[in-house]
């Protein structure tokens, strides 16, 4: 049995991860701020009311899951707020940094003892966090926070290698969700199916790399 901890599970990619990984061979703990009927219907263990930006909430979760051994931790929770220069709002940038970059690092730290040796940490990043690939500007807070997440993931891959824990930064592609519909974008089903393939193949030889859902390496 493989034990998964998945954040941002009430909708979008997080919900789809729970749906596709839900089987008798897997144990899923779905983390979210507020649950949804779709998530509740899956029958996985749902831990709602979790604010990943506060230590209090994260430690409360850890205490409840103190005996839960995690094989794969999927940091999917994220926040995107639209902005462009010079219309930058400090509070908006900080909100995105807190959920996109800082909370995955702190959650990993708090649950470090729960992580299996040879476990995996999956950070759902974005191509918009690539400095080399940036040709459109805009989305300052989101781009900056995802770049910071990439740095955190790369550093974690170095610090956790000795324990056999592999780290991957994954870009899910342009995905149609409940909040947006983009021509030629991937469905959540297709994106997550391909991401799961990458997760299953992840090993220490590939730890710390930034992958596109199509298998290509994304430049930092």
Protein backbone atom coordinates (compact mmCIF):
# COMPACT_ATOMS: atom_id res chain seq x y z
CA UNK A 1 0.00 0.00 0.00
CA UNK A 2 1.17 3.51 -0.85
CA UNK A 3 0.26 6.35 1.50
CA UNK A 4 -0.40 9.76 -0.03
CA UNK A 5 -0.77 13.19 1.56
CA UNK A 6 -2.30 15.59 -0.97
CA UNK A 7 -2.93 19.30 -0.40
CA UNK A 8 -5.45 21.47 -2.21
CA UNK A 9 -7.66 18.43 -2.66
CA UNK A 10 -11.16 19.88 -2.82
CA UNK A 11 -11.11 20.80 -6.51
CA UNK A 12 -9.05 20.97 -9.69
CA UNK A 13 -5.85 18.95 -9.91
CA UNK A 14 -5.87 18.02 -6.23
CA UNK A 15 -9.32 16.48 -6.52
CA UNK A 16 -8.28 14.67 -9.68
CA UNK A 17 -5.16 13.27 -7.94
CA UNK A 18 -7.42 11.90 -5.21
CA UNK A 19 -9.81 10.44 -7.76
CA UNK A 20 -7.17 8.68 -9.85
CA UNK A 21 -5.07 7.44 -6.93
CA UNK A 22 -8.06 6.23 -4.91
CA UNK A 23 -7.89 2.43 -4.74
CA UNK A 24 -7.57 -0.44 -2.29
CA UNK A 25 -3.81 -0.33 -2.86
CA UNK A 26 -3.52 3.28 -1.72
CA UNK A 27 -4.32 5.27 1.41
CA UNK A 28 -5.07 8.92 0.71
CA UNK A 29 -5.26 11.78 3.17
CA UNK A 30 -6.77 14.77 1.38
CA UNK A 31 -5.93 18.17 2.85
CA UNK A 32 -8.02 21.26 2.15
CA UNK A 33 -9.25 24.48 3.67
CA UNK A 34 -12.85 23.49 2.95
CA UNK A 35 -14.11 20.22 1.52
CA UNK A 36 -16.37 19.71 -1.49
CA UNK A 37 -19.13 17.25 -2.30
CA UNK A 38 -16.96 15.79 -5.07
CA UNK A 39 -14.15 15.09 -2.62
CA UNK A 40 -16.47 13.70 0.05
CA UNK A 41 -17.99 11.30 -2.47
CA UNK A 42 -14.59 9.68 -3.12
CA UNK A 43 -14.48 8.10 0.31
CA UNK A 44 -10.88 9.13 1.03
CA UNK A 45 -9.79 10.52 4.39
CA UNK A 46 -10.50 14.23 4.27
CA UNK A 47 -8.83 16.70 6.65
CA UNK A 48 -10.57 20.03 6.09
CA UNK A 49 -10.29 23.35 7.88
CA UNK A 50 -6.52 23.34 7.34
CA UNK A 51 -4.86 26.72 6.75
CA UNK A 52 -1.46 25.83 5.35
CA UNK A 53 -0.16 29.35 5.98
CA UNK A 54 -0.23 28.97 9.79
CA UNK A 55 1.94 26.84 12.06
CA UNK A 56 -1.01 26.30 14.38
CA UNK A 57 -3.06 24.62 11.68
CA UNK A 58 -0.14 22.55 10.35
CA UNK A 59 0.84 21.28 13.82
CA UNK A 60 -2.80 20.47 14.57
CA UNK A 61 -2.82 18.37 11.40
CA UNK A 62 0.48 16.70 12.30
CA UNK A 63 -0.78 15.78 15.76
CA UNK A 64 -3.87 14.18 14.24
CA UNK A 65 -1.75 12.27 11.71
CA UNK A 66 1.14 11.47 14.04
CA UNK A 67 1.06 7.76 13.16
CA UNK A 68 0.51 8.21 9.43
CA UNK A 69 3.57 7.16 7.45
CA UNK A 70 3.75 9.17 4.22
CA UNK A 71 5.19 7.59 1.08
CA UNK A 72 4.32 10.38 -1.35
CA UNK A 73 3.55 13.97 -0.40
CA UNK A 74 1.92 16.01 -3.18
CA UNK A 75 2.02 19.76 -2.57
CA UNK A 76 -0.74 20.89 -4.89
CA UNK A 77 -2.38 23.77 -3.02
CA UNK A 78 -1.75 27.06 -4.76
CA UNK A 79 -2.97 30.57 -5.37
CA UNK A 80 -2.89 32.68 -8.54
CA UNK A 81 -3.83 36.36 -8.44
CA UNK A 82 -3.59 38.45 -11.58
CA UNK A 83 -1.37 41.53 -11.50
CA UNK A 84 0.80 43.57 -13.83
CA UNK A 85 3.34 46.32 -13.41
CA UNK A 86 2.95 48.91 -11.99
CA UNK A 87 -0.32 47.70 -10.44
CA UNK A 88 1.38 45.51 -7.86
CA UNK A 89 -0.21 44.91 -4.48
CA UNK A 90 2.13 43.90 -1.66
CA UNK A 91 -0.52 41.92 0.23
CA UNK A 92 -1.39 39.96 -2.92
CA UNK A 93 2.26 39.07 -3.53
CA UNK A 94 2.67 37.94 0.07
CA UNK A 95 -0.51 35.82 -0.05
CA UNK A 96 0.84 34.00 -3.08
CA UNK A 97 4.28 33.53 -1.54
CA UNK A 98 2.76 32.12 1.65
CA UNK A 99 0.67 29.45 -0.04
CA UNK A 100 2.78 28.73 -3.14
CA UNK A 101 6.32 28.73 -1.75
CA UNK A 102 6.47 28.88 2.04
CA UNK A 103 3.70 26.49 3.08
CA UNK A 104 5.09 23.48 1.12
CA UNK A 105 8.47 23.98 2.78
CA UNK A 106 7.00 24.27 6.28
CA UNK A 107 4.61 21.34 5.77
CA UNK A 108 7.53 19.19 4.65
CA UNK A 109 9.55 20.25 7.69
CA UNK A 110 6.73 19.50 10.15
CA UNK A 111 5.97 16.10 8.60
CA UNK A 112 9.60 15.11 8.02
CA UNK A 113 9.48 12.32 10.63
CA UNK A 114 6.36 10.92 8.94
CA UNK A 115 8.06 10.63 5.56
CA UNK A 116 9.18 7.16 4.60
CA UNK A 117 12.78 6.61 3.69
CA UNK A 118 12.82 6.37 -0.12
CA UNK A 119 9.64 8.47 -0.11
CA UNK A 120 8.83 11.19 -2.62
CA UNK A 121 7.98 14.88 -2.38
CA UNK A 122 6.06 16.34 -5.31
CA UNK A 123 5.83 20.10 -5.72
CA UNK A 124 3.28 21.24 -8.28
CA UNK A 125 4.99 24.27 -9.75
CA UNK A 126 4.41 26.15 -12.98
CA UNK A 127 6.31 27.01 -16.10
CA UNK A 128 5.52 30.60 -15.11
CA UNK A 129 8.14 30.16 -12.39
CA UNK A 130 10.89 29.76 -14.99
CA UNK A 131 13.03 32.87 -15.38
CA UNK A 132 14.48 31.65 -18.69
CA UNK A 133 11.00 31.03 -20.11
CA UNK A 134 9.48 34.37 -19.09
CA UNK A 135 8.62 36.40 -22.16
CA UNK A 136 5.28 37.94 -21.14
CA UNK A 137 5.84 39.52 -17.68
CA UNK A 138 2.61 40.10 -15.71
CA UNK A 139 1.52 37.77 -12.87
CA UNK A 140 4.36 39.12 -10.73
CA UNK A 141 3.31 37.52 -7.46
CA UNK A 142 2.58 34.15 -9.01
CA UNK A 143 5.76 34.01 -11.08
CA UNK A 144 7.94 35.11 -8.16
CA UNK A 145 6.36 32.64 -5.74
CA UNK A 146 6.71 29.71 -8.15
CA UNK A 147 10.36 30.60 -8.75
CA UNK A 148 10.84 30.54 -4.99
CA UNK A 149 9.12 27.14 -4.84
CA UNK A 150 11.58 25.82 -7.42
CA UNK A 151 14.49 26.99 -5.28
CA UNK A 152 12.97 25.35 -2.20
CA UNK A 153 12.47 22.10 -4.09
CA UNK A 154 16.03 22.07 -5.41
CA UNK A 155 17.40 22.67 -1.91
CA UNK A 156 15.17 19.96 -0.43
CA UNK A 157 16.43 17.50 -3.03
CA UNK A 158 19.96 18.06 -1.74
CA UNK A 159 19.09 17.89 1.96
CA UNK A 160 16.89 14.79 1.69
CA UNK A 161 18.99 12.73 -0.72
CA UNK A 162 20.78 10.94 2.12
CA UNK A 163 17.44 9.59 3.33
CA UNK A 164 16.60 8.34 -0.12
CA UNK A 165 13.79 10.87 -0.54
CA UNK A 166 13.38 12.16 -4.11
CA UNK A 167 11.92 15.56 -4.93
CA UNK A 168 10.26 16.63 -8.17
CA UNK A 169 8.98 19.97 -9.40
CA UNK A 170 6.20 19.36 -11.89
CA UNK A 171 4.44 21.71 -14.31
CA UNK A 172 0.98 20.28 -15.06
CA UNK A 173 0.61 22.12 -18.36
CA UNK A 174 -2.15 24.55 -19.24
CA UNK A 175 -5.19 22.93 -17.66
CA UNK A 176 -8.88 23.69 -17.96
CA UNK A 177 -10.51 23.81 -14.53
CA UNK A 178 -13.83 24.93 -13.11
CA UNK A 179 -12.58 28.51 -13.13
CA UNK A 180 -11.26 28.75 -16.66
CA UNK A 181 -11.64 27.27 -20.13
CA UNK A 182 -8.72 27.67 -22.51
CA UNK A 183 -8.71 26.33 -26.08
CA UNK A 184 -6.33 23.38 -26.56
CA UNK A 185 -5.66 23.16 -22.82
CA UNK A 186 -5.39 19.80 -21.08
CA UNK A 187 -8.22 18.34 -19.07
CA UNK A 188 -7.46 17.71 -15.39
CA UNK A 189 -7.86 13.98 -16.08
CA UNK A 190 -5.19 13.94 -18.77
CA UNK A 191 -2.79 16.21 -16.90
CA UNK A 192 -2.96 14.20 -13.69
CA UNK A 193 -2.68 10.88 -15.51
CA UNK A 194 0.59 12.04 -17.06
CA UNK A 195 1.82 13.55 -13.80
CA UNK A 196 1.23 10.26 -11.98
CA UNK A 197 3.40 8.52 -14.58
CA UNK A 198 6.21 10.97 -13.81
CA UNK A 199 5.74 10.49 -10.06
CA UNK A 200 5.91 6.70 -10.36
CA UNK A 201 9.16 6.93 -12.34
CA UNK A 202 10.81 9.46 -10.02
CA UNK A 203 14.06 8.30 -8.41
CA UNK A 204 17.18 9.81 -6.90
CA UNK A 205 18.83 10.13 -10.31
CA UNK A 206 16.15 12.66 -11.25
CA UNK A 207 15.69 14.36 -7.89
CA UNK A 208 15.57 18.15 -7.89
CA UNK A 209 14.61 18.53 -11.55
CA UNK A 210 11.88 20.74 -12.99
CA UNK A 211 9.68 18.73 -15.34
CA UNK A 212 7.00 19.66 -17.85
CA UNK A 213 4.04 17.29 -17.91
CA UNK A 214 5.16 16.25 -21.40
CA UNK A 215 8.44 14.92 -19.99
CA UNK A 216 10.69 17.81 -20.98
CA UNK A 217 13.05 19.49 -18.52
CA UNK A 218 12.12 23.14 -17.93
CA UNK A 219 14.94 25.68 -17.67
CA UNK A 220 15.24 27.51 -14.38
